[in-house]
Protein backbone atom coordinates (compact mmCIF):
# COMPACT_ATOMS: atom_id res chain seq x y z
CA MET A 1 13.91 19.35 30.90
CA LYS A 2 10.49 20.97 31.85
CA TYR A 3 12.28 23.69 33.96
CA VAL A 4 14.23 24.99 31.19
CA PRO A 5 12.66 28.29 30.18
CA ASP A 6 13.05 27.56 26.25
CA PHE A 7 11.39 24.20 26.56
CA PRO A 8 8.35 24.21 24.20
CA ASP A 9 4.80 23.46 25.71
CA ARG A 10 4.47 21.02 22.80
CA PHE A 11 6.41 19.91 19.69
CA GLY A 12 4.95 19.99 16.23
CA SER A 13 6.36 16.59 15.26
CA LEU A 14 8.71 13.82 16.45
CA ALA A 15 11.32 15.44 14.27
CA ASP A 16 10.94 18.71 15.94
CA ALA A 17 11.18 17.08 19.33
CA ARG A 18 14.40 15.33 18.47
CA ALA A 19 15.90 18.42 17.05
CA PHE A 20 15.25 20.28 20.01
CA CYS A 21 16.68 17.69 22.37
CA GLU A 22 19.86 17.21 20.21
CA GLY A 23 20.63 20.66 21.01
CA PHE A 24 19.45 20.71 24.54
CA PHE A 25 21.46 17.69 25.49
CA LEU A 26 24.61 19.00 23.82
CA SER A 27 24.30 22.35 25.83
CA TYR A 28 23.47 20.57 29.05
CA ASN A 29 26.28 18.29 28.97
CA HIS A 30 29.06 20.61 27.43
CA GLU A 31 28.08 24.12 28.42
CA HIS A 32 25.74 24.27 31.51
CA ARG A 33 27.69 24.11 34.76
CA HIS A 34 26.09 22.09 37.49
CA SER A 35 26.16 23.01 41.32
CA GLY A 36 25.89 19.48 42.36
CA ILE A 37 29.34 18.57 40.57
CA GLY A 38 31.33 21.66 41.62
CA MET A 39 30.10 23.92 38.91
CA HIS A 40 31.60 21.67 36.30
CA THR A 41 29.83 20.30 33.04
CA PRO A 42 28.74 16.85 33.09
CA ALA A 43 31.11 16.13 30.16
CA SER A 44 34.15 17.38 31.96
CA VAL A 45 33.36 15.10 35.02
CA HIS A 46 32.68 12.06 32.74
CA PHE A 47 35.90 12.46 30.63
CA GLY A 48 38.16 13.34 33.67
CA THR A 49 39.12 16.98 32.83
CA ALA A 50 37.29 18.43 36.07
CA GLU A 51 40.53 18.07 38.05
CA GLN A 52 42.66 20.07 35.40
CA VAL A 53 39.78 22.69 35.45
CA GLN A 54 39.94 22.87 39.21
CA VAL A 55 43.63 23.56 39.12
CA GLN A 56 43.19 26.51 36.50
CA ARG A 57 40.32 27.88 38.65
CA GLN A 58 42.50 27.90 41.71
CA ALA A 59 45.23 29.61 39.97
CA THR A 60 42.96 32.20 38.63
CA LEU A 61 41.56 32.90 42.22
CA SER A 62 44.87 33.01 43.65
CA ARG A 63 45.98 35.66 41.27
CA ALA A 64 42.77 37.61 41.90
CA TYR A 65 43.33 37.30 45.66
CA ALA A 66 47.24 38.22 45.37
CA ALA A 67 46.27 41.30 43.17
CA HIS A 68 43.34 42.57 45.39
CA PRO A 69 43.14 40.92 48.53
CA GLU A 70 40.88 43.81 49.94
CA ARG A 71 37.85 42.42 47.79
CA PHE A 72 37.82 39.03 49.72
CA THR A 73 36.87 38.07 53.19
CA ARG A 74 38.99 35.07 53.10
CA ARG A 75 41.17 33.41 50.50
CA PRO A 76 38.90 31.95 47.60
CA TRP A 77 38.63 28.27 46.58
CA PRO A 78 36.67 26.70 43.72
CA PRO A 79 33.75 24.69 44.65
CA LYS A 80 34.82 20.79 45.73
CA LEU A 81 34.30 18.18 43.27
CA PRO A 82 32.05 15.43 44.60
CA GLU A 83 33.66 12.01 45.23
CA VAL A 84 31.00 10.40 43.15
CA ALA A 85 28.14 11.62 40.89
CA TRP A 86 25.09 9.74 39.91
CA ILE A 87 21.97 10.56 38.00
CA ASN A 88 20.15 7.50 39.40
CA GLN A 89 22.39 5.71 41.89
CA PRO A 90 22.07 2.02 41.53
CA ILE A 91 20.39 0.18 44.45
CA ALA A 92 23.03 -1.62 46.34
CA GLN A 93 22.30 -5.49 45.89
CA PRO A 94 22.72 -7.60 49.18
CA GLN A 95 25.79 -9.81 49.07
CA PRO A 96 25.30 -13.41 49.21
CA THR A 97 26.56 -15.21 52.44
CA PRO A 98 29.07 -17.96 51.82
């Protein structure tokens, strides 16, 4: 959060901090597209709609390519979705030997 340009240096009260964070997290999870998850929102990945969005993006890119191939150096593809995405990946626990 500290890298967000709108993030205040300090809050006037706990209520101010909560109000700011409520809006911040709503935007961060539902509007902001993240490069680490194929330019999708965390909500789209979490709720399983990212694959459908990928299909729609590819259709749009294919139409653009068909209409104006001279604008492209190669056929465009949307960014790939990662197979897994973690905020803090759990540490693998050693399996007990039988």
